[in-house]
Amino acid sequence: MKIIVPMAGRGSRLRPHSLTVPKPMLPVAGTPIVAQLVNEIARVVAQPIEEVAFILGEPAFFGKEIERELIEVARNLGAKATIYRQLEPLGTGHAVMCATDSLSGPIIVAYADTLIRTDLTLDPKVDGMIWVKKVAQPEAYGVVSLNDQNEITALVEKPKTFVSDLAVIGIYYFKQGEVIKSELEKTLSQTLAAGEEYLLNEGILAMMAKGARFVPGTVNEWMDCGNPKITLETNKKMLEILTEEGNKLVATDVILDNGKIIPPCYIGSNVVIKNATVGPFTSIGENTTIENSTIVNSLVQKHTKIKNANLEGSMIGNHVKYDGEYKHLSIGDYSVIE
C-alpha cells in the first residue's frame, strides 16, 4: 500500500500561523497535522505501508528541513518517503499526477488538511472508495450520491440543490493506482479555460463511466484545521481522543515551579511552568516558558516565552515573546509583544 499526500497549498486561511510554516506541518496536540493523518491511516489500514509520497509546493517555502521531517514521518512507519513538487496550483488532479511515478498498485490519496479517526476498512471487491461524513450544510462541500446498492453514482461540488448530506473528506482509495493515473493523464491532456483546474473527481468520474465501482467509507471523527478558531476546536478534540486512547501527553522533563497542569493537555519537552496554570485543552510546544499566567483552551508552539497573561482561545506561534494583558491572541512566529 502507498499513501499519496498532496500538500502544496500555503494554507492562507490559517495566517499568520502558516506564513512561515506550511499548514500541514503545524503541530496540533503536539504533532504536525500531516504526521497525525498519515499515522492514523497506517494504524487502521491493516496493510504494510510501502511508500509515502508527499507532493510539496515551491522549495523556497517547502524547504529541506520540511523534507527531512517528512522523510522521518515515513521512516517511522517503515516506509520509503518520496518527495514531489507541484509548482503551479492547477488543481487536485494535477497535484496527484505530480506523483505519477508512485501511482501503481493499491494507493490511498489523503489531503493533508484534516485529522480523522476511522477504521478505513478496505472493500476488496470494489475499484475504489471515497470517505465521507454526514454534515449539516452539504451545500458547502463536495458530496456523493448513492444508489440502492450503496455505490457512488455521482460527485457534486457544493450543490445548490440537495444531492445528499455525505461530504467528501479528502481521502480516497484506488485498488489500482495505474487506472486513476491513466484517466488523469487524459484529463491533463486537455487545455484549461481561464479559472479552471484539473480535478481528481474528473478521473474518478471517468473510471465510473467505464464501469468502475466506488463505495463510500465513513469516519468516526473528521476535524478541520482551516482557520485559527477551527484549529483550536480540533486541538481540543484531539487532546480528548489521545487521552482516551491512553497516550502520554506530558513530557517527563516538564518543570513545574508552583505551576499546575489541568488535563487534557499536551506539554512538550523542556517546558517551564512557573507560577502559572495551563489547561485544560491546551498544547504547549517544547522549550517554552509560561510564567505568572493562566492559559486555557489554547495552542502555543515551540521556543516561546509568555508572561503575565490570562489567555483563552488563543493561538501563538514559535519563538514568540509575549508580556501583556490581552485575553485572546492569534499571533504568528517571531512576534514580540511586551
Protein backbone atom coordinates (compact mmCIF):
# COMPACT_ATOMS: atom_id res chain seq x y z
CA MET A 1 0.00 0.00 0.00
CA LYS A 2 1.15 3.53 -0.84
CA ILE A 3 -0.11 6.78 0.64
CA ILE A 4 -0.14 9.82 -1.64
CA VAL A 5 -0.27 13.13 0.25
CA PRO A 6 -0.90 16.33 -1.75
CA MET A 7 0.16 19.23 0.48
CA ALA A 8 1.41 22.02 -1.79
CA GLY A 9 -1.05 24.68 -0.61
CA ARG A 10 0.08 27.59 1.57
CA GLY A 11 -2.89 27.47 3.97
CA SER A 12 -3.81 31.14 3.58
CA ARG A 13 -6.88 30.90 5.84
CA LEU A 14 -4.63 29.94 8.74
CA ARG A 15 -2.43 33.04 8.53
CA PRO A 16 -0.42 34.36 10.33
CA HIS A 17 0.43 30.85 11.57
CA SER A 18 1.05 29.50 8.08
CA LEU A 19 3.24 32.38 6.92
CA THR A 20 6.46 30.66 7.98
CA VAL A 21 5.31 27.05 8.43
CA PRO A 22 3.18 25.16 5.87
CA LYS A 23 -0.24 24.39 7.31
CA PRO A 24 0.18 20.57 7.25
CA MET A 25 3.35 20.93 9.35
CA LEU A 26 1.66 22.88 12.15
CA PRO A 27 1.56 20.85 15.38
CA VAL A 28 -1.90 20.17 16.80
CA ALA A 29 -1.96 18.33 20.12
CA GLY A 30 1.81 18.08 19.83
CA THR A 31 2.21 16.50 16.40
CA PRO A 32 2.13 18.03 12.89
CA ILE A 33 -1.21 17.64 11.10
CA VAL A 34 0.26 15.60 8.23
CA ALA A 35 2.07 13.22 10.58
CA GLN A 36 -1.12 12.56 12.54
CA LEU A 37 -3.07 11.92 9.33
CA VAL A 38 -0.51 9.51 7.85
CA ASN A 39 -0.04 7.72 11.17
CA GLU A 40 -3.78 7.21 11.58
CA ILE A 41 -4.13 5.79 8.06
CA ALA A 42 -1.23 3.44 8.65
CA ARG A 43 -2.65 2.39 12.01
CA VAL A 44 -6.02 1.28 10.71
CA VAL A 45 -5.43 0.19 7.11
CA ALA A 46 -4.23 -3.29 8.15
CA GLN A 47 -1.65 -3.45 5.35
CA PRO A 48 2.08 -2.66 5.33
CA ILE A 49 2.83 0.85 4.05
CA GLU A 50 5.46 0.59 1.34
CA GLU A 51 5.80 4.26 0.43
CA VAL A 52 4.53 7.69 1.41
CA ALA A 53 4.65 10.20 -1.44
CA PHE A 54 4.47 13.85 -0.38
CA ILE A 55 3.58 16.48 -3.00
CA LEU A 56 5.02 19.81 -1.86
CA GLY A 57 4.96 23.33 -3.22
CA GLU A 58 7.88 25.53 -4.18
CA PRO A 59 11.22 24.76 -2.47
CA ALA A 60 11.54 28.33 -1.20
CA PHE A 61 8.67 27.62 1.23
CA PHE A 62 8.74 23.82 1.48
CA GLY A 63 12.48 23.56 2.07
CA LYS A 64 14.99 20.93 3.07
CA GLU A 65 14.03 20.96 6.75
CA ILE A 66 10.44 20.09 5.85
CA GLU A 67 11.68 17.33 3.54
CA ARG A 68 13.72 15.89 6.41
CA GLU A 69 10.72 15.95 8.74
CA LEU A 70 8.51 14.20 6.19
CA ILE A 71 11.14 11.56 5.45
CA GLU A 72 11.20 10.85 9.18
CA VAL A 73 7.38 10.53 9.25
CA ALA A 74 7.57 7.82 6.58
CA ARG A 75 10.59 6.15 8.17
CA ASN A 76 8.71 5.81 11.45
CA LEU A 77 6.17 3.71 9.56
CA GLY A 78 8.87 1.55 7.99
CA ALA A 79 8.08 3.15 4.62
CA LYS A 80 10.04 4.92 1.92
CA ALA A 81 9.43 8.65 1.55
CA THR A 82 9.27 10.21 -1.91
CA ILE A 83 9.17 13.97 -2.40
CA TYR A 84 7.45 15.52 -5.41
CA ARG A 85 6.76 19.13 -6.29
CA GLN A 86 3.63 20.88 -7.56
CA LEU A 87 4.95 24.25 -8.69
CA GLU A 88 1.67 25.55 -10.13
CA PRO A 89 -1.75 25.44 -8.40
CA LEU A 90 -3.51 23.60 -11.22
CA GLY A 91 -5.94 21.54 -9.18
CA THR A 92 -6.31 18.30 -7.26
CA GLY A 93 -5.91 16.04 -10.28
CA HIS A 94 -2.73 17.84 -11.29
CA ALA A 95 -1.40 17.52 -7.73
CA VAL A 96 -1.91 13.75 -7.69
CA MET A 97 -0.28 13.42 -11.11
CA CYS A 98 2.81 15.21 -9.83
CA ALA A 99 3.44 11.89 -8.04
CA THR A 100 2.97 9.93 -11.26
CA ASP A 101 5.91 7.59 -10.64
CA SER A 102 4.25 6.40 -7.42
CA LEU A 103 0.79 5.75 -8.89
CA SER A 104 0.89 1.96 -9.07
CA GLY A 105 -0.73 -0.81 -7.09
CA PRO A 106 -3.15 -0.04 -4.26
CA ILE A 107 -2.95 3.60 -3.14
CA ILE A 108 -4.66 5.92 -0.70
CA VAL A 109 -4.78 9.61 -1.61
CA ALA A 110 -5.14 11.77 1.51
CA TYR A 111 -5.19 15.56 1.53
CA ALA A 112 -3.16 16.86 4.46
CA ASP A 113 -5.52 19.46 5.90
CA THR A 114 -7.75 17.41 8.17
CA LEU A 115 -7.46 14.94 11.03
CA ILE A 116 -9.55 11.79 11.27
CA ARG A 117 -10.45 8.81 13.39
CA THR A 118 -11.78 5.88 11.38
CA ASP A 119 -11.35 2.19 10.68
CA LEU A 120 -10.60 2.68 6.94
CA THR A 121 -11.79 -0.84 6.16
CA LEU A 122 -10.98 -1.53 2.51
CA ASP A 123 -13.50 -3.40 0.37
CA PRO A 124 -11.55 -5.86 -1.85
CA LYS A 125 -14.49 -6.23 -4.24
CA VAL A 126 -14.57 -2.63 -5.45
CA ASP A 127 -12.30 -0.47 -7.59
CA GLY A 128 -12.19 2.41 -5.17
CA MET A 129 -13.56 4.07 -2.08
CA ILE A 130 -14.26 7.66 -1.08
CA TRP A 131 -14.51 8.51 2.59
CA VAL A 132 -17.43 10.71 3.60
CA LYS A 133 -19.04 12.24 6.67
CA LYS A 134 -22.62 13.39 7.21
CA VAL A 135 -22.79 17.17 7.51
CA ALA A 136 -25.48 19.68 8.38
CA GLN A 137 -24.72 22.03 5.46
CA PRO A 138 -23.87 19.87 2.42
CA GLU A 139 -24.06 22.87 0.09
CA ALA A 140 -20.66 23.95 1.47
CA TYR A 141 -18.91 20.71 0.47
CA GLY A 142 -18.35 18.26 -2.32
CA VAL A 143 -20.85 15.43 -1.80
CA VAL A 144 -21.57 11.95 -3.18
CA SER A 145 -24.86 10.41 -4.23
CA LEU A 146 -25.53 6.70 -3.78
CA ASN A 147 -27.74 4.08 -5.40
CA ASP A 148 -29.63 1.37 -3.52
CA GLN A 149 -26.52 -0.90 -3.68
CA ASN A 150 -24.57 1.70 -1.69
CA GLU A 151 -22.45 2.52 -4.74
CA ILE A 152 -21.37 6.06 -5.55
CA THR A 153 -23.12 7.31 -8.67
CA ALA A 154 -22.10 10.97 -8.70
CA LEU A 155 -19.71 13.52 -7.22
CA VAL A 156 -21.13 17.04 -6.95
CA GLU A 157 -19.15 20.05 -5.76
CA LYS A 158 -21.10 22.45 -3.50
CA PRO A 159 -24.56 21.54 -4.81
CA LYS A 160 -27.10 24.38 -4.96
CA THR A 161 -29.93 21.88 -4.61
CA PHE A 162 -29.87 18.90 -2.24
CA VAL A 163 -27.98 15.85 -3.54
CA SER A 164 -27.02 14.18 -0.26
CA ASP A 165 -25.57 15.08 3.12
CA LEU A 166 -22.47 12.90 2.66
CA ALA A 167 -19.49 15.26 2.34
CA VAL A 168 -16.22 14.09 0.78
CA ILE A 169 -13.45 14.49 3.38
CA GLY A 170 -10.46 14.19 1.03
CA ILE A 171 -9.38 10.56 1.47
CA TYR A 172 -9.62 8.12 -1.47
CA TYR A 173 -8.67 4.50 -2.09
CA PHE A 174 -7.81 3.14 -5.53
CA LYS A 175 -7.34 -0.59 -5.94
CA GLN A 176 -5.04 0.03 -8.90
CA GLY A 177 -3.18 3.30 -9.00
CA GLU A 178 -2.41 2.73 -12.67
CA VAL A 179 -6.11 3.14 -13.56
CA ILE A 180 -6.63 6.58 -11.98
CA LYS A 181 -3.25 7.60 -13.41
CA SER A 182 -4.39 6.66 -16.93
CA GLU A 183 -7.61 8.64 -16.60
CA LEU A 184 -5.88 11.68 -15.15
CA GLU A 185 -3.35 11.62 -17.99
CA LYS A 186 -6.28 12.11 -20.37
CA THR A 187 -7.64 14.90 -18.18
CA LEU A 188 -4.31 16.73 -18.12
CA SER A 189 -4.02 16.50 -21.90
CA GLN A 190 -6.96 18.89 -22.20
CA THR A 191 -6.49 22.65 -22.37
CA LEU A 192 -7.81 24.55 -19.38
CA ALA A 193 -10.09 27.53 -19.79
CA ALA A 194 -9.42 30.59 -17.64
CA GLY A 195 -10.08 29.82 -13.98
CA GLU A 196 -10.40 26.05 -14.48
CA GLU A 197 -8.37 23.33 -12.77
CA TYR A 198 -7.59 19.67 -13.34
CA LEU A 199 -9.67 17.82 -10.75
CA LEU A 200 -9.22 14.39 -9.22
CA ASN A 201 -13.00 13.99 -9.49
CA GLU A 202 -12.73 14.05 -13.28
CA GLY A 203 -10.53 10.96 -13.22
CA ILE A 204 -12.87 9.20 -10.78
CA LEU A 205 -15.94 10.01 -12.86
CA ALA A 206 -14.17 8.73 -15.98
CA MET A 207 -13.44 5.47 -14.17
CA MET A 208 -17.07 5.20 -13.09
CA ALA A 209 -18.26 5.84 -16.65
CA LYS A 210 -16.28 2.75 -17.68
CA GLY A 211 -17.89 0.62 -15.01
CA ALA A 212 -15.56 1.07 -12.04
CA ARG A 213 -17.34 0.58 -8.72
CA PHE A 214 -16.78 3.09 -5.93
CA VAL A 215 -18.36 2.83 -2.49
CA PRO A 216 -18.28 5.20 0.48
CA GLY A 217 -16.26 4.76 3.64
CA THR A 218 -17.21 6.58 6.82
CA VAL A 219 -15.17 8.23 9.55
CA ASN A 220 -15.90 8.46 13.24
CA GLU A 221 -14.27 11.87 13.56
CA TRP A 222 -13.40 14.45 10.92
CA MET A 223 -11.60 17.52 12.21
CA ASP A 224 -10.61 20.55 10.18
CA CYS A 225 -7.68 22.93 10.64
CA GLY A 226 -8.87 25.60 8.23
CA ASN A 227 -8.53 28.70 10.40
CA PRO A 228 -7.31 29.52 13.93
CA LYS A 229 -10.72 29.14 15.59
CA ILE A 230 -11.40 25.76 13.99
CA THR A 231 -7.83 24.63 14.65
CA LEU A 232 -8.32 25.29 18.36
CA GLU A 233 -11.50 23.20 18.28
CA THR A 234 -9.55 20.41 16.60
CA ASN A 235 -6.74 20.71 19.16
CA LYS A 236 -9.31 20.30 21.94
CA LYS A 237 -10.91 17.28 20.30
CA MET A 238 -7.56 15.61 19.57
CA LEU A 239 -6.45 16.08 23.19
CA GLU A 240 -9.63 14.34 24.31
CA ILE A 241 -9.15 11.49 21.82
CA LEU A 242 -5.46 10.98 22.57
CA THR A 243 -6.17 10.97 26.31
CA GLU A 244 -8.95 8.40 25.89
CA GLU A 245 -6.57 6.25 23.83
CA GLY A 246 -4.09 6.25 26.69
CA ASN A 247 -1.37 8.39 25.11
CA LYS A 248 1.16 10.10 27.36
CA LEU A 249 0.89 13.80 26.56
CA VAL A 250 3.08 15.48 29.19
CA ALA A 251 6.86 15.19 28.82
CA THR A 252 8.78 13.79 31.78
CA ASP A 253 11.14 16.78 31.96
CA VAL A 254 8.47 19.49 32.34
CA ILE A 255 9.44 21.85 35.17
CA LEU A 256 6.61 22.87 37.49
CA ASP A 257 7.68 25.77 39.72
CA ASN A 258 4.49 26.49 41.61
CA GLY A 259 2.82 25.54 38.35
CA LYS A 260 -0.29 23.49 37.62
CA ILE A 261 -1.46 21.47 34.62
CA ILE A 262 -5.18 20.80 34.23
CA PRO A 263 -5.66 17.93 31.74
CA PRO A 264 -6.17 17.18 29.00
CA CYS A 265 -3.08 18.99 27.79
CA TYR A 266 -0.07 18.34 25.61
CA ILE A 267 3.11 19.71 27.22
CA GLY A 268 6.32 19.28 25.26
CA SER A 269 9.86 18.62 26.42
CA ASN A 270 11.75 21.22 28.47
CA VAL A 271 8.68 23.37 29.16
CA VAL A 272 8.77 25.56 32.28
CA ILE A 273 5.51 26.45 34.02
CA LYS A 274 6.25 28.96 36.79
CA ASN A 275 3.57 30.48 38.99
CA ALA A 276 1.14 29.58 36.24
CA THR A 277 -1.79 27.33 35.37
CA VAL A 278 -2.05 25.62 31.99
CA GLY A 279 -5.19 23.86 30.76
CA PRO A 280 -7.50 22.34 30.15
CA PHE A 281 -7.43 21.79 26.37
CA THR A 282 -4.06 23.44 25.84
CA SER A 283 -0.98 22.39 23.87
CA ILE A 284 2.44 23.83 24.69
CA GLY A 285 5.41 23.15 22.41
CA GLU A 286 8.91 22.24 23.58
CA ASN A 287 11.33 24.75 25.11
CA THR A 288 8.54 27.15 26.02
CA THR A 289 8.22 29.08 29.29
CA ILE A 290 4.91 30.11 30.85
CA GLU A 291 5.23 32.47 33.81
CA ASN A 292 2.68 34.27 36.01
CA SER A 293 -0.05 33.28 33.59
CA THR A 294 -3.22 31.28 33.09
CA ILE A 295 -3.69 29.66 29.68
CA VAL A 296 -6.89 27.78 28.78
CA ASN A 297 -8.07 26.19 25.51
CA SER A 298 -5.07 27.47 23.58
CA LEU A 299 -2.26 26.32 21.31
CA VAL A 300 1.27 27.61 21.93
CA GLN A 301 4.15 26.45 19.74
CA LYS A 302 7.88 25.96 20.44
CA HIS A 303 10.59 28.23 21.92
CA THR A 304 8.08 30.80 23.14
CA LYS A 305 8.01 32.89 26.35
CA ILE A 306 4.72 34.06 27.85
CA LYS A 307 4.49 36.22 30.98
CA ASN A 308 1.69 37.94 32.90
CA ALA A 309 -1.03 36.65 30.58
CA ASN A 310 -4.59 35.44 31.12
CA LEU A 311 -5.32 33.77 27.80
CA GLU A 312 -8.20 31.70 26.49
CA GLY A 313 -8.90 30.59 22.92
CA SER A 314 -5.51 31.80 21.72
CA MET A 315 -3.06 30.53 19.13
CA ILE A 316 0.57 31.60 19.45
CA GLY A 317 3.45 30.71 17.16
CA ASN A 318 7.10 29.71 17.55
CA HIS A 319 9.82 31.95 19.01
CA VAL A 320 7.27 34.44 20.36
CA LYS A 321 7.79 36.76 23.32
CA TYR A 322 4.62 37.98 24.96
CA ASP A 323 4.10 40.00 28.14
CA GLY A 324 0.72 41.65 28.31
CA GLU A 325 -2.90 41.73 29.31
CA TYR A 326 -4.81 40.61 26.23
CA LYS A 327 -7.20 37.71 26.83
CA HIS A 328 -7.29 36.48 23.24
CA LEU A 329 -4.37 36.33 20.83
CA SER A 330 -3.63 34.97 17.38
CA ILE A 331 -0.01 35.81 16.60
CA GLY A 332 2.49 34.14 14.32
CA ASP A 333 6.14 33.13 14.60
CA TYR A 334 8.83 35.53 15.86
CA SER A 335 6.33 38.09 17.15
CA VAL A 336 7.29 40.23 20.16
CA ILE A 337 4.63 41.96 22.29
CA GLU A 338 5.94 43.35 25.55
